[in-house]
Every structure is written in structure tokens, then in C-alpha cells.
């Protein structure tokens, strides 16, 4: 049952922005790693939680924690390298 599987999802990493979230989600999709992206934006509060707590976070089954964190580090270092080349 989908709801039971989603209940096993845990907070894995915080995400800085939507672009980082999209890039990481794409890599995880390619590797068939189950996940979900959660934004902290709330229209009622006009995004105030994003400024206090960050853009959002990624949830996934606990057994993927190390792999997801390594992929995020790789994506972040790739982005840093491309900025240095510019």
C-alpha cells in the first residue's frame, strides 16, 4: 500500500533551493531511488518558513541515506567547479 510505504520515509537532507531539489531529484529518479521533495513554502505565510528554515528537504527510506548524501555532495561540488571555471 502506497501510504504505508510513504510512512517509512525519513528526513534525509535539507535543500537550499528549487534548482538543487530538481537536480537531485533527477539523479535519484535515474537511479530508481524512491524519494519525495518537500518545500517549506506556504502561501498563507508568504514563504516566511523558507527564510527561517531553508527552501525545503528531501525524504526517502532510511536505507538510502548515505547514497543520497553522497550524490548531493557530488552535485554541490560539480556546481562549485562550474562556477570556478566561469
Foldseek 3Di string as FASTA:
>chain_A
DVVVQVVQKDFQFADADDVLVVVLVVVCVVVVFDKDWDAPADVVVRRPVCVVPNGTTMIGHPVCRVVSVVVSVVVVVVVVVVVVVD
